[in-house]
Amino acid sequence: MKPHIYPQCKNETRKIHDYKLQKVKHLPVAYTQYTILIKKRRYKCPHCNKRFYEKNSLLFKYKFIFTDLRKSVLYYASKLFNTK
């Protein structure tokens, strides 16, 4: 496992504190809505004892839908409301 850097104090850690399951909406397939559970890893900084989540390229911070779904919604909304 590669070390992660706590953004506040910039120290490295490999110490896993716990995991959290997060429900995330995904793109519908064949008119069926899917929800995916993501197991988010939380680390503990050994220097300042703060906890932080590892970076996840699939989700924005504090969001509950995938970036692909967000892009798809924006694309279809622009097609729907485009009057050109």
C-alpha atoms as a PDB file:
ATOM      1  CA  MET A   1       0.000   0.000   0.000  1.00  0.00           C
ATOM      2  CA  LYS A   2       1.356   3.407  -0.944  1.00  0.00           C
ATOM      3  CA  PRO A   3       1.580   6.148   1.673  1.00  0.00           C
ATOM      4  CA  HIS A   4      -0.971   8.970   1.677  1.00  0.00           C
ATOM      5  CA  ILE A   5      -0.267  12.571   2.565  1.00  0.00           C
ATOM      6  CA  TYR A   6      -2.490  14.479   4.963  1.00  0.00           C
ATOM      7  CA  PRO A   7      -3.293  17.761   3.180  1.00  0.00           C
ATOM      8  CA  GLN A   8      -3.053  19.968   6.291  1.00  0.00           C
ATOM      9  CA  CYS A   9       0.293  19.028   7.820  1.00  0.00           C
ATOM     10  CA  LYS A  10       1.783  17.364   4.676  1.00  0.00           C
ATOM     11  CA  ASN A  11       2.976  14.255   6.545  1.00  0.00           C
ATOM     12  CA  GLU A  12       2.837  10.750   5.121  1.00  0.00           C
ATOM     13  CA  THR A  13       0.950   7.896   6.692  1.00  0.00           C
ATOM     14  CA  ARG A  14       0.023   4.288   5.985  1.00  0.00           C
ATOM     15  CA  LYS A  15      -2.061   3.942   9.141  1.00  0.00           C
ATOM     16  CA  ILE A  16      -5.650   3.006   8.250  1.00  0.00           C
ATOM     17  CA  HIS A  17      -8.143   4.250  10.817  1.00  0.00           C
ATOM     18  CA  ASP A  18     -11.363   2.718   9.447  1.00  0.00           C
ATOM     19  CA  TYR A  19     -13.620   2.257   6.420  1.00  0.00           C
ATOM     20  CA  LYS A  20     -16.964   3.810   5.521  1.00  0.00           C
ATOM     21  CA  LEU A  21     -19.524   2.567   3.013  1.00  0.00           C
ATOM     22  CA  GLN A  22     -20.985   5.306   0.825  1.00  0.00           C
ATOM     23  CA  LYS A  23     -23.980   4.897  -1.507  1.00  0.00           C
ATOM     24  CA  VAL A  24     -23.377   6.391  -4.936  1.00  0.00           C
ATOM     25  CA  LYS A  25     -25.873   6.769  -7.774  1.00  0.00           C
ATOM     26  CA  HIS A  26     -24.681   5.433 -11.127  1.00  0.00           C
ATOM     27  CA  LEU A  27     -25.841   5.834 -14.715  1.00  0.00           C
ATOM     28  CA  PRO A  28     -29.122   4.031 -15.451  1.00  0.00           C
ATOM     29  CA  VAL A  29     -28.830   0.923 -17.609  1.00  0.00           C
ATOM     30  CA  ALA A  30     -31.898  -0.251 -19.544  1.00  0.00           C
ATOM     31  CA  TYR A  31     -34.073   2.234 -17.594  1.00  0.00           C
ATOM     32  CA  THR A  32     -32.973   0.771 -14.261  1.00  0.00           C
ATOM     33  CA  GLN A  33     -31.313   3.033 -11.692  1.00  0.00           C
ATOM     34  CA  TYR A  34     -28.283   1.556  -9.936  1.00  0.00           C
ATOM     35  CA  THR A  35     -26.695   2.426  -6.624  1.00  0.00           C
ATOM     36  CA  ILE A  36     -23.142   1.337  -5.949  1.00  0.00           C
ATOM     37  CA  LEU A  37     -21.541   0.973  -2.537  1.00  0.00           C
ATOM     38  CA  ILE A  38     -18.023   2.353  -2.313  1.00  0.00           C
ATOM     39  CA  LYS A  39     -15.777   1.374   0.565  1.00  0.00           C
ATOM     40  CA  LYS A  40     -13.923   4.575   1.468  1.00  0.00           C
ATOM     41  CA  ARG A  41     -10.678   4.228   3.388  1.00  0.00           C
ATOM     42  CA  ARG A  42      -9.920   6.701   6.159  1.00  0.00           C
ATOM     43  CA  TYR A  43      -6.379   7.284   7.396  1.00  0.00           C
ATOM     44  CA  LYS A  44      -4.960   8.635  10.625  1.00  0.00           C
ATOM     45  CA  CYS A  45      -2.074  11.072  10.586  1.00  0.00           C
ATOM     46  CA  PRO A  46       0.526   9.939  13.163  1.00  0.00           C
ATOM     47  CA  HIS A  47       1.808  13.485  13.694  1.00  0.00           C
ATOM     48  CA  CYS A  48      -1.374  15.466  14.340  1.00  0.00           C
ATOM     49  CA  ASN A  49      -3.823  12.560  14.980  1.00  0.00           C
ATOM     50  CA  LYS A  50      -6.338  13.890  12.425  1.00  0.00           C
ATOM     51  CA  ARG A  51      -8.357  11.567  10.218  1.00  0.00           C
ATOM     52  CA  PHE A  52      -8.766  11.981   6.464  1.00  0.00           C
ATOM     53  CA  TYR A  53     -10.154  10.060   3.485  1.00  0.00           C
ATOM     54  CA  GLU A  54      -8.019   8.872   0.617  1.00  0.00           C
ATOM     55  CA  LYS A  55      -8.501  10.686  -2.676  1.00  0.00           C
ATOM     56  CA  ASN A  56     -11.080   9.210  -5.028  1.00  0.00           C
ATOM     57  CA  SER A  57     -11.113  10.254  -8.688  1.00  0.00           C
ATOM     58  CA  LEU A  58     -14.645   8.890  -9.199  1.00  0.00           C
ATOM     59  CA  LEU A  59     -16.333  11.247  -6.748  1.00  0.00           C
ATOM     60  CA  PHE A  60     -16.170  14.919  -5.936  1.00  0.00           C
ATOM     61  CA  LYS A  61     -15.788  15.779  -2.272  1.00  0.00           C
ATOM     62  CA  TYR A  62     -19.075  15.453  -0.300  1.00  0.00           C
ATOM     63  CA  LYS A  63     -20.988  14.217  -3.386  1.00  0.00           C
ATOM     64  CA  PHE A  64     -23.071  11.103  -3.895  1.00  0.00           C
ATOM     65  CA  ILE A  65     -23.093  10.679  -7.692  1.00  0.00           C
ATOM     66  CA  PHE A  66     -20.302   9.553  -9.994  1.00  0.00           C
ATOM     67  CA  THR A  67     -18.646  12.148 -12.217  1.00  0.00           C
ATOM     68  CA  ASP A  68     -19.820  10.128 -15.276  1.00  0.00           C
ATOM     69  CA  LEU A  69     -23.448  10.529 -14.187  1.00  0.00           C
ATOM     70  CA  ARG A  70     -22.916  14.231 -13.538  1.00  0.00           C
ATOM     71  CA  LYS A  71     -21.434  14.688 -17.032  1.00  0.00           C
ATOM     72  CA  SER A  72     -24.272  12.699 -18.596  1.00  0.00           C
ATOM     73  CA  VAL A  73     -26.953  14.769 -16.828  1.00  0.00           C
ATOM     74  CA  LEU A  74     -25.291  18.020 -17.892  1.00  0.00           C
ATOM     75  CA  TYR A  75     -24.945  16.789 -21.489  1.00  0.00           C
ATOM     76  CA  TYR A  76     -28.599  15.796 -21.828  1.00  0.00           C
ATOM     77  CA  ALA A  77     -29.774  18.935 -20.039  1.00  0.00           C
ATOM     78  CA  SER A  78     -27.794  21.070 -22.497  1.00  0.00           C
ATOM     79  CA  LYS A  79     -29.364  19.150 -25.419  1.00  0.00           C
ATOM     80  CA  LEU A  80     -32.831  19.576 -23.938  1.00  0.00           C
ATOM     81  CA  PHE A  81     -32.551  23.291 -23.251  1.00  0.00           C
ATOM     82  CA  ASN A  82     -30.413  24.210 -26.273  1.00  0.00           C
ATOM     83  CA  THR A  83     -32.601  26.361 -28.555  1.00  0.00           C
ATOM     84  CA  LYS A  84     -30.125  26.736 -31.427  1.00  0.00           C
END
